[in-house]
Amino acid sequence: MSEDTWTDAGAVDDLATRPVQELTVGRAKVALTCRNGVFGAISSVCNHVGGPLGKGTLEGDYVVCPWHYWKFHCQTGVGEPGYEGDRVPAYEVKVEGDRVLIRNTPISERAKAPHAPHPLARPVRREPGPIRVLGISTTVMTADYPRYSTSDALLEHALKVAATEDACETRLVRLRELSFRSCEGFYSKAARACTWPCSITQMDAADQMDQVYEGVVHWADAIVVATPIRWGGASSLYYKMAERMNCIQNQETIANRHLLRNKVAGFIITGGQDNVQAVAGQLLGFFAELGLQFPQFPYIAHSRGWSAEDMENNERQVQNSVVLHEGAAALVERCAVMARGLVEASEGKSALVRGGRKGMRLDA
């Protein structure tokens, strides 16, 4: 195609009413802007993951991608200050009479600056060592004035038994101690806008959901989630976490990429209110969608029923219940046993042997 070929984009008066709009020039999608009566045109394809710049917004001289907010100068296509190494193609624009014309051939080329991958983006590989059990507490409480939590107490007991009697490595993540943002609906914009690692995690270094991702994707063999029952559902913190974990499931949908292999999940559900099976059903359905496996009897639960409003007695009953504590420990043991079988079947028994000076002969 000749460099002198131009596309008639439309009437000046019509195009000047929108700060940013997406047009087709030749075979390319272009973001046409109008700022203070001056038109500019750059490629509509963002350097990041291909978001539509032409459907974004204009902030000063910069077009903002609607997916992850990368910014490019509306005339030159150069990235915002500090990111000038990133550039999208720019197009020449002219006005003839009352028509806006855009040259079909860009006047600059695309350039992508190197960006270090996020630590979570590394290949998922199980490191040698014993079975690893990650406990996730979803209970909400006031940080400065902690209270007794039945689901927390059973989870902590079960992890202690797993570490001392089953020789497992254990970690406990309390969601209430993490500062992390709610899911902001990138998937609602486009499936490809929901990325792995999570878009928020990549953009916000202060977001602590990375601790959950690290534990679930890269570290744990078994994951045990503990939740209270709140108005017939799981904890609000559980749902906040689950929405942010959509980026894991979405890799299955858009990339046929399995981030979670040979991992097992179990659940501890307690509350003064009933509806145990509905809560368990949600947990099982969600973690099944992530690709986790379940042992026989994948959850334990306790509830004194809808009318049991005397919560102090509910706490006392759990505190004094040997059966519930033994049941929580047995649940984690079932998860660990199943995880051990999955790891051995896929990677061999040697995967469970810790290396290092205590586990390997040294050449002397």
Protein backbone atom coordinates (compact mmCIF):
# COMPACT_ATOMS: atom_id res chain seq x y z
CA MET A 1 0.00 0.00 0.00
CA SER A 2 1.34 3.43 -0.96
CA GLU A 3 2.45 5.74 1.84
CA ASP A 4 0.36 8.44 0.18
CA THR A 5 -2.87 6.52 0.70
CA TRP A 6 -5.16 8.22 3.16
CA THR A 7 -8.38 7.20 4.85
CA ASP A 8 -11.26 9.62 5.17
CA ALA A 9 -12.13 9.24 8.86
CA GLY A 10 -15.21 11.45 8.77
CA ALA A 11 -16.46 14.97 9.27
CA VAL A 12 -14.48 17.30 11.57
CA ASP A 13 -17.54 18.37 13.52
CA ASP A 14 -18.57 14.78 14.22
CA LEU A 15 -15.12 13.48 15.17
CA ALA A 16 -14.32 16.48 17.38
CA THR A 17 -17.15 15.61 19.78
CA ARG A 18 -15.30 12.59 21.25
CA PRO A 19 -11.89 12.87 22.91
CA VAL A 20 -10.96 9.28 21.96
CA GLN A 21 -12.50 6.88 19.47
CA GLU A 22 -11.46 3.74 17.64
CA LEU A 23 -11.41 3.74 13.85
CA THR A 24 -10.18 1.37 11.16
CA VAL A 25 -7.47 2.74 8.89
CA GLY A 26 -6.62 0.29 6.15
CA ARG A 27 -6.40 -2.94 8.14
CA ALA A 28 -5.26 -1.34 11.36
CA LYS A 29 -7.24 -0.25 14.41
CA VAL A 30 -6.38 3.35 15.27
CA ALA A 31 -7.14 5.52 18.30
CA LEU A 32 -8.16 8.95 17.02
CA THR A 33 -8.01 11.75 19.57
CA CYS A 34 -9.12 15.35 19.62
CA ARG A 35 -7.58 17.66 22.21
CA ASN A 36 -8.14 21.41 22.07
CA GLY A 37 -9.32 21.05 18.47
CA VAL A 38 -6.16 19.21 17.36
CA PHE A 39 -6.46 15.68 16.07
CA GLY A 40 -3.95 12.90 16.70
CA ALA A 41 -3.87 9.22 15.79
CA ILE A 42 -1.95 6.28 17.26
CA SER A 43 -2.33 2.52 17.10
CA SER A 44 -5.27 1.27 19.10
CA VAL A 45 -3.34 -1.82 20.26
CA CYS A 46 -1.71 -1.36 23.67
CA ASN A 47 1.83 -2.68 24.17
CA HIS A 48 0.88 -4.49 27.38
CA VAL A 49 -1.59 -7.24 26.46
CA GLY A 50 -3.27 -5.69 23.44
CA GLY A 51 -5.96 -3.60 25.11
CA PRO A 52 -8.02 -1.26 22.87
CA LEU A 53 -6.55 2.23 23.31
CA GLY A 54 -9.29 3.64 21.09
CA LYS A 55 -11.83 2.66 23.73
CA GLY A 56 -9.87 4.30 26.53
CA THR A 57 -9.81 7.83 27.89
CA LEU A 58 -7.72 10.95 27.36
CA GLU A 59 -5.80 12.35 30.34
CA GLY A 60 -4.01 15.50 29.24
CA ASP A 61 -1.91 14.48 26.25
CA TYR A 62 -2.04 10.76 27.00
CA VAL A 63 -4.42 8.04 25.89
CA VAL A 64 -5.12 5.68 28.80
CA CYS A 65 -5.71 2.02 28.02
CA PRO A 66 -9.05 0.89 29.49
CA TRP A 67 -7.65 -2.50 30.49
CA HIS A 68 -4.63 -1.78 32.69
CA TYR A 69 -4.16 2.00 32.38
CA TRP A 70 -0.95 2.12 30.35
CA LYS A 71 -0.55 5.59 28.80
CA PHE A 72 0.70 6.73 25.40
CA HIS A 73 1.03 10.25 23.97
CA CYS A 74 -1.90 11.00 21.71
CA GLN A 75 0.32 12.52 18.98
CA THR A 76 3.59 10.59 19.15
CA GLY A 77 2.54 7.27 20.68
CA VAL A 78 5.40 7.48 23.19
CA GLY A 79 4.80 6.11 26.70
CA GLU A 80 4.24 8.39 29.66
CA PRO A 81 7.26 9.93 31.46
CA GLY A 82 9.42 7.18 32.87
CA TYR A 83 8.19 4.70 30.26
CA GLU A 84 9.37 6.36 27.06
CA GLY A 85 10.91 3.08 25.94
CA ASP A 86 7.41 1.87 25.17
CA ARG A 87 5.87 3.31 22.02
CA VAL A 88 2.91 2.50 19.81
CA PRO A 89 2.84 3.51 16.12
CA ALA A 90 1.68 7.05 15.37
CA TYR A 91 -0.20 8.15 12.26
CA GLU A 92 -0.19 11.45 10.39
CA VAL A 93 -3.50 13.31 10.50
CA LYS A 94 -4.63 16.26 8.39
CA VAL A 95 -7.81 18.24 7.90
CA GLU A 96 -8.96 19.09 4.39
CA GLY A 97 -12.07 21.19 4.27
CA ASP A 98 -14.45 19.65 6.76
CA ARG A 99 -12.93 16.14 6.56
CA VAL A 100 -10.36 14.40 8.76
CA LEU A 101 -7.83 12.28 6.86
CA ILE A 102 -5.46 9.70 8.36
CA ARG A 103 -2.45 8.35 6.48
CA ASN A 104 -2.72 4.57 6.18
CA THR A 105 0.98 3.99 6.87
CA PRO A 106 2.25 4.84 10.37
CA ILE A 107 5.05 7.39 10.67
CA SER A 108 6.70 5.55 13.59
CA GLU A 109 7.18 1.95 14.63
CA ARG A 110 6.13 0.09 17.72
CA ALA A 111 8.79 -0.31 20.43
CA LYS A 112 8.54 -2.44 23.54
CA ALA A 113 10.85 -1.76 26.45
CA PRO A 114 11.95 -4.81 28.43
CA HIS A 115 9.92 -5.30 31.60
CA ALA A 116 11.09 -7.70 34.28
CA PRO A 117 8.47 -10.42 34.81
CA HIS A 118 6.64 -10.47 38.11
CA PRO A 119 8.06 -13.07 40.54
CA LEU A 120 4.76 -14.96 40.43
CA ALA A 121 5.12 -15.37 36.66
CA ARG A 122 7.93 -17.90 37.07
CA PRO A 123 7.29 -21.49 35.92
CA VAL A 124 5.26 -23.51 38.38
CA ARG A 125 7.58 -26.23 39.69
CA ARG A 126 7.26 -28.20 42.89
CA GLU A 127 10.49 -28.00 44.86
CA PRO A 128 11.64 -31.22 46.59
CA GLY A 129 10.59 -31.60 50.18
CA PRO A 130 7.83 -32.91 52.43
CA ILE A 131 4.13 -32.40 51.81
CA ARG A 132 3.24 -28.75 52.30
CA VAL A 133 -0.09 -27.72 53.79
CA LEU A 134 -1.36 -24.16 53.48
CA GLY A 135 -4.09 -23.03 55.85
CA ILE A 136 -6.17 -20.01 54.86
CA SER A 137 -8.27 -18.32 57.54
CA THR A 138 -11.07 -16.14 56.18
CA THR A 139 -12.39 -14.90 59.55
CA VAL A 140 -12.86 -11.16 59.95
CA MET A 141 -12.09 -9.47 63.26
CA THR A 142 -10.73 -6.23 64.71
CA ALA A 143 -6.94 -6.31 64.46
CA ASP A 144 -6.29 -4.53 67.76
CA TYR A 145 -8.87 -6.55 69.69
CA PRO A 146 -8.67 -10.18 68.55
CA ARG A 147 -11.38 -12.62 69.59
CA TYR A 148 -11.79 -16.37 69.62
CA SER A 149 -12.82 -17.86 66.27
CA THR A 150 -14.09 -21.42 66.07
CA SER A 151 -12.96 -21.96 62.48
CA ASP A 152 -9.56 -20.39 63.20
CA ALA A 153 -9.04 -22.51 66.28
CA LEU A 154 -9.79 -25.78 64.47
CA LEU A 155 -7.55 -24.81 61.56
CA GLU A 156 -4.64 -23.88 63.83
CA HIS A 157 -4.99 -27.15 65.75
CA ALA A 158 -5.09 -29.19 62.55
CA LEU A 159 -1.99 -27.52 61.14
CA LYS A 160 -0.12 -28.10 64.38
CA VAL A 161 -0.93 -31.81 64.27
CA ALA A 162 0.07 -31.99 60.60
CA ALA A 163 3.45 -30.47 61.41
CA THR A 164 4.21 -32.46 64.55
CA GLU A 165 2.67 -35.85 63.79
CA ASP A 166 2.50 -36.05 59.99
CA ALA A 167 5.87 -34.39 59.24
CA CYS A 168 4.27 -31.81 56.94
CA GLU A 169 5.49 -28.29 56.35
CA THR A 170 2.71 -25.86 57.21
CA ARG A 171 1.88 -22.23 56.69
CA LEU A 172 -1.06 -20.20 57.91
CA VAL A 173 -2.35 -17.17 56.01
CA ARG A 174 -4.91 -15.03 57.81
CA LEU A 175 -6.67 -12.93 55.20
CA ARG A 176 -7.59 -10.33 57.81
CA GLU A 177 -3.89 -9.56 58.26
CA LEU A 178 -3.40 -8.86 54.57
CA SER A 179 -4.10 -5.60 52.80
CA PHE A 180 -5.41 -6.44 49.36
CA ARG A 181 -7.75 -4.78 46.93
CA SER A 182 -11.06 -6.16 45.78
CA CYS A 183 -11.31 -7.60 42.29
CA GLU A 184 -11.83 -4.65 39.94
CA GLY A 185 -13.54 -6.53 37.14
CA PHE A 186 -10.83 -6.74 34.49
CA TYR A 187 -12.45 -9.94 33.24
CA SER A 188 -15.67 -7.99 32.70
CA LYS A 189 -13.79 -5.79 30.22
CA ALA A 190 -12.39 -8.73 28.26
CA ALA A 191 -11.23 -12.25 29.06
CA ARG A 192 -7.64 -11.37 28.07
CA ALA A 193 -7.70 -8.35 30.39
CA CYS A 194 -7.71 -10.77 33.33
CA THR A 195 -4.06 -11.80 33.46
CA TRP A 196 -1.74 -14.08 35.38
CA PRO A 197 -0.26 -12.84 37.59
CA CYS A 198 -3.29 -10.81 38.60
CA SER A 199 -3.36 -7.38 36.98
CA ILE A 200 -3.76 -5.66 40.36
CA THR A 201 -0.81 -7.58 41.81
CA GLN A 202 1.36 -6.50 38.89
CA MET A 203 0.34 -2.85 39.15
CA ASP A 204 0.26 -2.43 42.93
CA ALA A 205 3.35 -3.56 44.83
CA ALA A 206 1.56 -2.88 48.13
CA ASP A 207 -1.23 -5.35 47.35
CA GLN A 208 -0.69 -8.42 49.55
CA MET A 209 -2.80 -10.92 47.65
CA ASP A 210 0.55 -12.09 46.28
CA GLN A 211 0.99 -14.04 49.51
CA VAL A 212 -2.09 -16.11 48.70
CA TYR A 213 -1.02 -16.62 45.09
CA GLU A 214 2.47 -17.65 46.15
CA GLY A 215 1.14 -20.15 48.64
CA VAL A 216 -1.59 -21.64 46.48
CA VAL A 217 0.20 -21.76 43.11
CA HIS A 218 3.87 -22.20 43.92
CA TRP A 219 4.17 -23.65 47.44
CA ALA A 220 1.31 -25.78 48.73
CA ASP A 221 0.40 -29.37 47.97
CA ALA A 222 -2.74 -29.16 50.10
CA ILE A 223 -4.86 -26.11 50.86
CA VAL A 224 -7.27 -26.02 53.78
CA VAL A 225 -9.68 -23.09 53.90
CA ALA A 226 -11.49 -22.25 57.14
CA THR A 227 -14.57 -20.05 57.10
CA PRO A 228 -17.34 -19.03 59.47
CA ILE A 229 -20.95 -19.04 58.27
CA ARG A 230 -22.23 -15.52 57.69
CA TRP A 231 -25.93 -15.17 56.85
CA GLY A 232 -25.94 -18.61 55.29
CA GLY A 233 -22.80 -17.99 53.25
CA ALA A 234 -19.05 -18.06 53.64
CA SER A 235 -17.06 -15.17 55.09
CA SER A 236 -16.94 -11.91 53.14
CA LEU A 237 -13.15 -12.22 53.11
CA TYR A 238 -13.47 -15.62 51.45
CA TYR A 239 -15.47 -14.11 48.60
CA LYS A 240 -13.03 -11.22 48.30
CA MET A 241 -10.20 -13.74 47.93
CA ALA A 242 -12.17 -15.98 45.57
CA GLU A 243 -12.90 -13.12 43.19
CA ARG A 244 -9.20 -12.29 43.04
CA MET A 245 -8.42 -15.96 42.29
CA ASN A 246 -10.43 -15.80 39.06
CA CYS A 247 -7.13 -15.02 37.32
CA ILE A 248 -6.01 -18.60 38.08
CA GLN A 249 -9.12 -20.18 36.60
CA ASN A 250 -9.07 -17.80 33.66
CA GLN A 251 -5.75 -19.23 32.50
CA GLU A 252 -7.61 -22.48 31.89
CA THR A 253 -10.21 -20.62 29.84
CA ILE A 254 -8.05 -18.45 27.61
CA ALA A 255 -4.68 -20.21 27.51
CA ASN A 256 -5.32 -23.88 28.38
CA ARG A 257 -2.70 -23.32 31.06
CA HIS A 258 -2.93 -25.37 34.24
CA LEU A 259 -1.44 -23.45 37.14
CA LEU A 260 -2.64 -25.91 39.77
CA ARG A 261 -1.64 -29.55 39.33
CA ASN A 262 -1.66 -32.37 41.87
CA LYS A 263 -3.07 -30.16 44.60
CA VAL A 264 -5.72 -31.03 47.16
CA ALA A 265 -8.24 -28.88 49.01
CA GLY A 266 -10.27 -29.33 52.19
CA PHE A 267 -12.54 -27.06 54.21
CA ILE A 268 -13.44 -26.24 57.79
CA ILE A 269 -16.87 -24.62 58.17
CA THR A 270 -18.31 -23.43 61.47
CA GLY A 271 -20.95 -20.99 62.61
CA GLY A 272 -23.84 -20.23 64.84
CA GLN A 273 -26.08 -20.24 61.79
CA ASP A 274 -26.92 -23.23 59.65
CA ASN A 275 -26.59 -23.77 55.88
CA VAL A 276 -23.42 -25.83 56.09
CA GLN A 277 -24.07 -27.78 52.88
CA ALA A 278 -24.67 -24.66 50.81
CA VAL A 279 -21.41 -23.11 52.04
CA ALA A 280 -19.56 -26.36 51.38
CA GLY A 281 -21.11 -26.58 47.91
CA GLN A 282 -19.80 -23.15 46.98
CA LEU A 283 -16.31 -23.94 48.26
CA LEU A 284 -16.20 -27.30 46.48
CA GLY A 285 -17.51 -25.86 43.24
CA PHE A 286 -15.07 -22.98 43.19
CA PHE A 287 -11.94 -24.94 44.03
CA ALA A 288 -12.94 -27.67 41.58
CA GLU A 289 -12.99 -24.99 38.88
CA LEU A 290 -9.43 -24.08 39.87
CA GLY A 291 -8.39 -27.67 39.25
CA LEU A 292 -7.95 -28.95 42.79
CA GLN A 293 -8.71 -32.49 43.94
CA PHE A 294 -10.64 -33.52 47.06
CA PRO A 295 -10.16 -36.36 49.52
CA GLN A 296 -13.02 -38.50 50.78
CA PHE A 297 -15.13 -36.35 53.12
CA PRO A 298 -13.49 -33.06 52.02
CA TYR A 299 -14.90 -30.85 54.76
CA ILE A 300 -15.82 -30.84 58.43
CA ALA A 301 -18.45 -28.54 59.84
CA HIS A 302 -20.18 -27.47 63.01
CA SER A 303 -23.38 -25.52 63.51
CA ARG A 304 -25.89 -25.41 66.34
CA GLY A 305 -28.65 -24.26 64.03
CA TRP A 306 -30.47 -21.13 62.99
CA SER A 307 -31.98 -20.35 66.37
CA ALA A 308 -28.75 -20.72 68.38
CA GLU A 309 -28.03 -17.05 69.02
CA ASP A 310 -26.12 -17.66 72.25
CA MET A 311 -22.76 -17.48 70.54
CA GLU A 312 -20.80 -17.77 73.76
CA ASN A 313 -22.15 -21.31 74.09
CA ASN A 314 -21.28 -22.04 70.49
CA GLU A 315 -17.66 -21.04 71.18
CA ARG A 316 -17.57 -23.05 74.38
CA GLN A 317 -18.88 -26.13 72.63
CA VAL A 318 -16.17 -25.98 69.97
CA GLN A 319 -13.45 -25.23 72.51
CA ASN A 320 -14.39 -28.29 74.54
CA SER A 321 -15.10 -30.65 71.67
CA VAL A 322 -12.45 -33.35 71.31
CA VAL A 323 -14.35 -34.76 68.36
CA LEU A 324 -14.19 -31.51 66.37
CA HIS A 325 -10.48 -31.05 67.01
CA GLU A 326 -9.77 -34.65 66.06
CA GLY A 327 -11.98 -34.24 63.00
CA ALA A 328 -10.09 -31.15 61.84
CA ALA A 329 -6.77 -32.94 62.25
CA ALA A 330 -8.11 -35.97 60.39
CA LEU A 331 -9.31 -33.76 57.53
CA VAL A 332 -5.87 -32.25 57.08
CA GLU A 333 -4.33 -35.71 57.29
CA ARG A 334 -6.65 -36.93 54.50
CA CYS A 335 -5.63 -33.96 52.39
CA ALA A 336 -1.93 -34.60 53.03
CA VAL A 337 -2.21 -38.32 52.28
CA MET A 338 -3.98 -37.66 48.99
CA ALA A 339 -1.48 -34.94 48.07
CA ARG A 340 1.38 -37.31 48.83
CA GLY A 341 -0.11 -39.90 46.49
CA LEU A 342 -0.53 -37.34 43.69
CA VAL A 343 3.02 -36.04 44.05
CA GLU A 344 4.53 -39.53 44.14
CA ALA A 345 2.51 -40.64 41.12
CA SER A 346 3.57 -37.68 39.02
CA GLU A 347 7.11 -36.96 40.24
CA GLY A 348 8.25 -40.04 42.12
CA LYS A 349 8.93 -40.60 45.79
CA SER A 350 12.20 -38.70 45.53
CA ALA A 351 10.18 -35.50 45.18
CA LEU A 352 9.31 -35.79 48.86
CA VAL A 353 12.93 -36.04 50.04
CA ARG A 354 14.48 -32.80 51.18
CA GLY A 355 17.90 -32.09 49.71
CA GLY A 356 20.80 -30.19 51.24
CA ARG A 357 23.54 -31.12 53.66
CA LYS A 358 21.26 -33.28 55.84
CA GLY A 359 19.69 -35.13 52.92
CA MET A 360 22.53 -35.71 50.47
CA ARG A 361 26.01 -37.17 50.69
CA LEU A 362 28.76 -34.60 50.40
CA ASP A 363 31.88 -35.09 48.33
CA ALA A 364 34.77 -34.71 50.76
